[in-house]
């Protein structure tokens, strides 16, 4: 556990270390990830709730909190609503990107070059969509996720921070691929002999020309046999990989929340308003490490605006949000939103 890092305030580096510290600092964090993993297995509502939990966590961190939604009065209904909002944002962004891909692909002069860069752009776009989803969660408004100019302004102000988080996403994806390959290799090993024999039989039938109806029936039978044999190893691989994917998703959304702190979320107006001037809004302050006490610093509720501008949610209670969570040295100032 990376515990002795600055988790309260903005700094331009160590996104992974700080995200990992925030993810693991609360007791029972493994259990929380396991519950999220189980929720993700539930069609529609469970998957939406899981994604909404990530977005709500990023929202709290962007506000200056250092605790998870579960410790800040979150509810399953709120997570599902945030997840649905995330889905709409991702769907529209993905639809626009798909239209761009189609239009460029039918243009002869640039289609070949675009085929090379499109995977890279798609990978970066995933991170941009996550930013848009967090912004929509902060405002509790789907439309806030489509303010392209504001999102572009955020990326322009601190492209270096986004590159660091993009590196976490890239390296994490490589590690996920390695975990998936190892898990599949282990899971499929007991069936390797049967699969080899079945494949050899398929090759023999292909070499024979398959002129008879019975040959086609034999091929169909062998393909079904391969699929049924692979079903269990693929399922085991998927379950194992999905758990680590949730862990990676948690780290990325926490990192995005840390990155968005610098844009002075408490000073945001309507979603059409420009970003507040000045960067960063949260400066690193001297901190003294204090072991995490789940019954002390993070329980008193404060009144903070849940969203601004486009909504009429007013003031809602969220325990611990809106004040510093770290113990500062004498003379340091509190840079966090107050109740």
Protein backbone atom coordinates (compact mmCIF):
# COMPACT_ATOMS: atom_id res chain seq x y z
CA UNK A 1 0.00 0.00 0.00
CA UNK A 2 1.40 3.39 -1.02
CA UNK A 3 0.34 5.20 2.15
CA UNK A 4 2.88 8.00 2.56
CA UNK A 5 1.84 10.07 -0.43
CA UNK A 6 -0.10 13.28 -0.87
CA UNK A 7 -3.73 12.27 -1.33
CA UNK A 8 -5.16 15.68 -0.38
CA UNK A 9 -4.45 18.48 -2.81
CA UNK A 10 -3.19 18.78 -6.33
CA UNK A 11 0.24 17.76 -7.53
CA UNK A 12 1.44 17.07 -11.02
CA UNK A 13 2.86 13.59 -10.54
CA UNK A 14 2.50 10.20 -8.82
CA UNK A 15 -1.03 9.65 -10.06
CA UNK A 16 -0.77 5.89 -9.70
CA UNK A 17 0.73 5.98 -6.19
CA UNK A 18 -1.88 8.45 -4.95
CA UNK A 19 -4.73 6.58 -6.65
CA UNK A 20 -3.56 3.29 -5.16
CA UNK A 21 -3.33 4.88 -1.71
CA UNK A 22 -6.88 6.23 -1.97
CA UNK A 23 -8.14 2.88 -3.24
CA UNK A 24 -6.55 0.83 -0.47
CA UNK A 25 -6.56 3.16 2.55
CA UNK A 26 -10.02 2.17 3.82
CA UNK A 27 -10.57 -1.15 5.63
CA UNK A 28 -12.26 -3.78 3.50
CA UNK A 29 -11.17 -2.34 0.17
CA UNK A 30 -10.70 -5.82 -1.31
CA UNK A 31 -14.25 -6.68 -0.29
CA UNK A 32 -15.50 -3.50 -1.98
CA UNK A 33 -13.79 -4.45 -5.24
CA UNK A 34 -15.23 -7.95 -4.96
CA UNK A 35 -18.74 -6.52 -4.50
CA UNK A 36 -18.23 -4.31 -7.55
CA UNK A 37 -17.08 -7.37 -9.47
CA UNK A 38 -20.22 -9.26 -8.49
CA UNK A 39 -22.39 -6.26 -9.38
CA UNK A 40 -20.81 -6.11 -12.81
CA UNK A 41 -21.98 -9.66 -13.47
CA UNK A 42 -25.61 -8.56 -13.09
CA UNK A 43 -27.01 -7.54 -16.49
CA UNK A 44 -27.86 -3.86 -17.06
CA UNK A 45 -28.59 -2.60 -13.53
CA UNK A 46 -25.50 -4.17 -11.98
CA UNK A 47 -23.18 -2.99 -14.75
CA UNK A 48 -24.65 0.53 -14.63
CA UNK A 49 -24.31 0.65 -10.85
CA UNK A 50 -20.68 -0.46 -11.02
CA UNK A 51 -19.77 2.22 -13.59
CA UNK A 52 -21.74 4.82 -11.67
CA UNK A 53 -19.78 3.99 -8.52
CA UNK A 54 -16.53 4.78 -10.36
CA UNK A 55 -17.90 8.11 -11.59
CA UNK A 56 -19.21 9.07 -8.14
CA UNK A 57 -15.83 8.28 -6.61
CA UNK A 58 -14.09 10.49 -9.16
CA UNK A 59 -16.63 13.26 -8.44
CA UNK A 60 -15.94 13.16 -4.70
CA UNK A 61 -12.18 13.23 -5.22
CA UNK A 62 -12.49 16.14 -7.67
CA UNK A 63 -14.32 18.00 -4.89
CA UNK A 64 -11.44 17.34 -2.49
CA UNK A 65 -12.72 14.32 -0.57
CA UNK A 66 -10.47 11.38 0.24
CA UNK A 67 -13.05 8.68 0.90
CA UNK A 68 -15.07 6.34 -1.28
CA UNK A 69 -18.77 6.86 -2.13
CA UNK A 70 -19.67 4.07 0.29
CA UNK A 71 -18.37 6.25 3.15
CA UNK A 72 -20.07 9.38 1.85
CA UNK A 73 -23.71 8.37 1.92
CA UNK A 74 -23.87 6.88 -1.56
CA UNK A 75 -26.82 4.71 -2.58
CA UNK A 76 -27.36 2.01 -5.19
CA UNK A 77 -29.98 4.15 -6.92
CA UNK A 78 -27.55 7.06 -7.24
CA UNK A 79 -24.90 4.76 -8.66
CA UNK A 80 -27.30 3.36 -11.26
CA UNK A 81 -28.40 6.86 -12.30
CA UNK A 82 -24.78 7.95 -12.66
CA UNK A 83 -24.03 4.77 -14.60
CA UNK A 84 -26.94 5.43 -16.96
CA UNK A 85 -25.65 8.98 -17.47
CA UNK A 86 -22.21 7.55 -18.22
CA UNK A 87 -23.71 5.15 -20.76
CA UNK A 88 -25.48 7.97 -22.61
CA UNK A 89 -22.32 10.08 -22.69
CA UNK A 90 -20.20 7.17 -23.94
CA UNK A 91 -22.84 6.18 -26.51
CA UNK A 92 -23.03 9.65 -28.07
CA UNK A 93 -19.25 10.10 -28.10
CA UNK A 94 -18.83 6.62 -29.58
CA UNK A 95 -21.51 7.28 -32.20
CA UNK A 96 -19.81 10.49 -33.29
CA UNK A 97 -16.45 8.72 -33.51
CA UNK A 98 -18.02 5.90 -35.51
CA UNK A 99 -19.43 8.38 -38.03
CA UNK A 100 -16.03 10.04 -38.35
CA UNK A 101 -14.40 6.65 -38.95
CA UNK A 102 -16.92 5.79 -41.68
CA UNK A 103 -16.54 9.15 -43.45
CA UNK A 104 -12.75 9.03 -43.41
CA UNK A 105 -12.61 5.36 -44.39
CA UNK A 106 -14.42 6.07 -47.66
CA UNK A 107 -12.02 8.90 -48.51
CA UNK A 108 -9.29 7.34 -50.70
CA UNK A 109 -6.49 9.82 -49.99
CA UNK A 110 -6.48 9.51 -46.19
CA UNK A 111 -8.05 6.11 -45.51
CA UNK A 112 -4.74 4.21 -45.45
CA UNK A 113 -3.09 6.63 -43.04
CA UNK A 114 -6.20 6.77 -40.90
CA UNK A 115 -6.22 2.98 -40.57
CA UNK A 116 -2.87 3.29 -38.77
CA UNK A 117 -3.75 6.12 -36.41
CA UNK A 118 -7.38 5.14 -35.71
CA UNK A 119 -6.51 2.55 -33.00
CA UNK A 120 -4.34 5.13 -31.19
CA UNK A 121 -7.06 7.77 -31.37
CA UNK A 122 -9.62 5.26 -30.14
CA UNK A 123 -7.45 4.40 -27.14
CA UNK A 124 -7.08 8.09 -26.23
CA UNK A 125 -10.78 8.66 -26.83
CA UNK A 126 -11.62 6.14 -24.10
CA UNK A 127 -9.89 8.38 -21.56
CA UNK A 128 -11.59 11.52 -22.94
CA UNK A 129 -14.99 9.82 -22.64
CA UNK A 130 -14.21 9.04 -19.00
CA UNK A 131 -13.45 12.72 -18.41
CA UNK A 132 -16.74 13.67 -20.04
CA UNK A 133 -18.57 11.12 -17.87
CA UNK A 134 -17.02 12.50 -14.67
CA UNK A 135 -17.96 16.02 -15.70
CA UNK A 136 -21.54 14.90 -16.36
CA UNK A 137 -21.55 13.29 -12.90
CA UNK A 138 -20.32 16.48 -11.23
CA UNK A 139 -23.19 18.43 -12.77
CA UNK A 140 -25.65 15.53 -12.55
CA UNK A 141 -26.50 16.38 -16.14
CA UNK A 142 -25.85 14.31 -19.25
CA UNK A 143 -25.48 17.45 -21.34
CA UNK A 144 -22.43 18.52 -19.33
CA UNK A 145 -20.56 15.60 -20.86
CA UNK A 146 -20.92 17.09 -24.35
CA UNK A 147 -19.27 20.47 -23.73
CA UNK A 148 -16.43 19.65 -26.10
CA UNK A 149 -14.76 23.06 -25.85
CA UNK A 150 -14.54 22.95 -22.05
CA UNK A 151 -13.24 19.40 -22.03
CA UNK A 152 -10.69 20.41 -24.66
CA UNK A 153 -9.68 23.39 -22.53
CA UNK A 154 -9.08 21.07 -19.56
CA UNK A 155 -6.93 18.77 -21.67
CA UNK A 156 -4.99 21.72 -23.09
CA UNK A 157 -4.23 23.18 -19.65
CA UNK A 158 -2.66 19.99 -18.35
CA UNK A 159 -1.90 17.60 -21.19
CA UNK A 160 1.04 16.24 -19.21
CA UNK A 161 -1.19 14.99 -16.42
CA UNK A 162 -3.48 13.31 -18.93
CA UNK A 163 -0.49 11.61 -20.54
CA UNK A 164 0.48 10.19 -17.15
CA UNK A 165 -3.02 8.80 -16.66
CA UNK A 166 -3.01 7.53 -20.24
CA UNK A 167 0.21 5.68 -19.40
CA UNK A 168 -1.58 4.04 -16.45
CA UNK A 169 -4.37 3.00 -18.81
CA UNK A 170 -1.89 1.64 -21.39
CA UNK A 171 0.35 -0.25 -18.98
CA UNK A 172 -2.70 -1.54 -17.11
CA UNK A 173 -4.16 -2.84 -20.37
CA UNK A 174 -0.92 -4.67 -21.14
CA UNK A 175 -0.93 -6.24 -17.67
CA UNK A 176 -4.57 -7.25 -18.14
CA UNK A 177 -3.65 -8.91 -21.41
CA UNK A 178 -0.83 -10.81 -19.70
CA UNK A 179 -3.12 -11.91 -16.85
CA UNK A 180 -5.71 -13.05 -19.38
CA UNK A 181 -3.14 -15.06 -21.37
CA UNK A 182 -1.74 -16.75 -18.26
CA UNK A 183 -5.20 -17.52 -16.88
CA UNK A 184 -6.35 -18.97 -20.20
CA UNK A 185 -3.20 -21.08 -20.57
CA UNK A 186 -3.68 -22.57 -17.10
CA UNK A 187 -7.41 -23.12 -17.59
CA UNK A 188 -7.09 -24.76 -21.02
CA UNK A 189 -4.16 -27.05 -20.17
CA UNK A 190 -6.32 -29.97 -18.96
CA UNK A 191 -8.16 -29.94 -22.30
CA UNK A 192 -5.10 -29.53 -24.51
CA UNK A 193 -5.02 -33.18 -25.59
CA UNK A 194 -8.67 -33.23 -26.68
CA UNK A 195 -8.32 -29.94 -28.51
CA UNK A 196 -5.23 -31.14 -30.37
CA UNK A 197 -6.93 -34.35 -31.45
CA UNK A 198 -10.02 -32.45 -32.61
CA UNK A 199 -7.95 -29.96 -34.60
CA UNK A 200 -6.01 -32.77 -36.26
CA UNK A 201 -9.29 -34.36 -37.29
CA UNK A 202 -10.45 -31.03 -38.77
CA UNK A 203 -7.23 -30.74 -40.77
CA UNK A 204 -7.67 -34.30 -42.06
CA UNK A 205 -11.21 -33.56 -43.23
CA UNK A 206 -10.10 -30.32 -44.90
CA UNK A 207 -7.37 -32.19 -46.81
CA UNK A 208 -9.84 -34.84 -47.98
CA UNK A 209 -11.86 -32.25 -49.91
CA UNK A 210 -15.13 -32.67 -47.96
CA UNK A 211 -17.18 -33.66 -51.00
CA UNK A 212 -19.77 -35.60 -49.05
CA UNK A 213 -22.57 -34.30 -46.86
CA UNK A 214 -21.35 -36.48 -44.00
CA UNK A 215 -18.01 -34.64 -44.07
CA UNK A 216 -19.72 -31.31 -43.52
CA UNK A 217 -21.70 -32.80 -40.65
CA UNK A 218 -18.44 -34.09 -39.16
CA UNK A 219 -16.87 -30.64 -39.41
CA UNK A 220 -19.90 -29.10 -37.72
CA UNK A 221 -19.68 -31.66 -34.94
CA UNK A 222 -15.95 -31.04 -34.43
CA UNK A 223 -16.40 -27.24 -34.32
CA UNK A 224 -19.15 -27.60 -31.71
CA UNK A 225 -16.88 -29.89 -29.75
CA UNK A 226 -14.10 -27.27 -29.78
CA UNK A 227 -16.49 -24.54 -28.66
CA UNK A 228 -17.91 -26.64 -25.83
CA UNK A 229 -14.39 -27.56 -24.70
CA UNK A 230 -13.29 -23.93 -24.66
CA UNK A 231 -16.40 -22.68 -22.86
CA UNK A 232 -15.15 -23.39 -19.35
CA UNK A 233 -11.57 -22.08 -19.84
CA UNK A 234 -12.87 -18.90 -21.50
CA UNK A 235 -15.38 -18.36 -18.69
CA UNK A 236 -12.71 -18.84 -16.01
CA UNK A 237 -10.39 -16.44 -17.86
CA UNK A 238 -13.15 -13.86 -18.17
CA UNK A 239 -14.02 -13.99 -14.47
CA UNK A 240 -10.39 -13.62 -13.38
CA UNK A 241 -9.59 -10.87 -15.87
CA UNK A 242 -12.76 -8.91 -15.06
CA UNK A 243 -11.76 -8.59 -11.41
CA UNK A 244 -8.40 -7.05 -12.31
CA UNK A 245 -10.17 -4.89 -14.92
CA UNK A 246 -12.36 -3.44 -12.16
CA UNK A 247 -9.27 -2.70 -10.10
CA UNK A 248 -7.71 -0.90 -13.09
CA UNK A 249 -10.94 1.03 -13.73
CA UNK A 250 -10.99 2.13 -10.10
CA UNK A 251 -7.42 3.41 -10.28
CA UNK A 252 -8.06 5.31 -13.53
CA UNK A 253 -11.20 7.06 -12.27
CA UNK A 254 -9.54 8.00 -8.99
CA UNK A 255 -6.60 9.40 -10.98
CA UNK A 256 -9.02 11.44 -13.11
CA UNK A 257 -10.61 12.82 -9.95
CA UNK A 258 -7.18 13.85 -8.69
CA UNK A 259 -6.42 15.44 -12.05
CA UNK A 260 -9.69 17.40 -12.08
CA UNK A 261 -9.03 18.93 -8.65
CA UNK A 262 -6.76 21.52 -10.24
CA UNK A 263 -9.65 23.05 -12.17
CA UNK A 264 -11.27 24.43 -9.00
CA UNK A 265 -14.49 22.41 -9.11
CA UNK A 266 -16.12 24.43 -6.25
CA UNK A 267 -15.89 27.56 -8.42
CA UNK A 268 -17.56 26.03 -11.47
CA UNK A 269 -20.70 27.79 -12.64
CA UNK A 270 -23.02 26.48 -15.33
CA UNK A 271 -21.78 23.78 -17.66
CA UNK A 272 -21.53 26.36 -20.48
CA UNK A 273 -19.28 28.62 -18.42
CA UNK A 274 -15.51 28.63 -19.04
CA UNK A 275 -13.16 27.08 -16.53
CA UNK A 276 -12.10 29.28 -13.62
CA UNK A 277 -8.86 31.12 -14.24
CA UNK A 278 -5.70 29.91 -12.60
CA UNK A 279 -3.86 26.63 -12.48
CA UNK A 280 -3.59 24.79 -10.23
CA UNK A 281 -6.46 25.63 -7.88
CA UNK A 282 -5.29 23.08 -5.30
CA UNK A 283 -1.63 23.46 -4.40
CA UNK A 284 0.50 20.87 -2.61
CA UNK A 285 0.60 21.64 1.09
CA UNK A 286 2.91 20.20 3.75
CA UNK A 287 1.26 17.14 5.25
CA UNK A 288 2.02 14.91 8.16
CA UNK A 289 1.09 11.29 7.71
CA UNK A 290 -1.54 10.10 10.16
CA UNK A 291 -2.68 6.43 10.10
CA UNK A 292 -6.17 6.10 8.70
CA UNK A 293 -8.89 6.04 11.36
CA UNK A 294 -12.27 5.04 9.87
CA UNK A 295 -14.13 6.40 12.90
CA UNK A 296 -12.50 9.81 13.14
CA UNK A 297 -11.84 12.37 10.45
CA UNK A 298 -14.32 11.50 7.75
CA UNK A 299 -17.67 11.20 9.49
CA UNK A 300 -19.12 14.68 10.26
CA UNK A 301 -21.40 15.71 7.38
CA UNK A 302 -20.92 19.09 5.68
CA UNK A 303 -23.26 20.93 3.36
CA UNK A 304 -21.71 21.32 -0.08
CA UNK A 305 -23.27 22.05 -3.47
CA UNK A 306 -23.83 18.72 -5.20
CA UNK A 307 -23.88 20.31 -8.63
CA UNK A 308 -23.98 23.74 -10.16
CA UNK A 309 -25.64 25.73 -12.86
CA UNK A 310 -27.74 23.32 -14.90
CA UNK A 311 -29.43 21.64 -11.94
CA UNK A 312 -31.61 22.59 -9.03
CA UNK A 313 -30.35 20.05 -6.54
CA UNK A 314 -29.52 22.72 -3.96
CA UNK A 315 -27.44 21.73 -0.98
CA UNK A 316 -27.21 18.06 -0.13
CA UNK A 317 -25.41 16.31 2.70
CA UNK A 318 -22.31 14.31 1.90
CA UNK A 319 -20.20 13.32 4.88
CA UNK A 320 -16.63 14.49 4.73
CA UNK A 321 -16.94 16.30 1.40
CA UNK A 322 -15.89 19.89 1.36
CA UNK A 323 -13.07 19.91 3.88
CA UNK A 324 -9.49 18.76 4.04
CA UNK A 325 -8.99 15.13 4.95
CA UNK A 326 -5.30 15.39 5.83
CA UNK A 327 -3.69 16.78 8.97
CA UNK A 328 -1.65 19.79 7.87
CA UNK A 329 1.34 21.23 9.60
CA UNK A 330 0.88 24.41 11.61
CA UNK A 331 0.33 27.44 9.39
CA UNK A 332 -0.86 25.59 6.27
CA UNK A 333 -4.15 26.72 4.73
CA UNK A 334 -7.23 24.72 3.89
CA UNK A 335 -7.69 24.78 0.10
CA UNK A 336 -10.83 22.66 0.01
CA UNK A 337 -14.46 23.62 -0.57
CA UNK A 338 -16.24 24.56 2.62
CA UNK A 339 -19.75 23.83 3.68
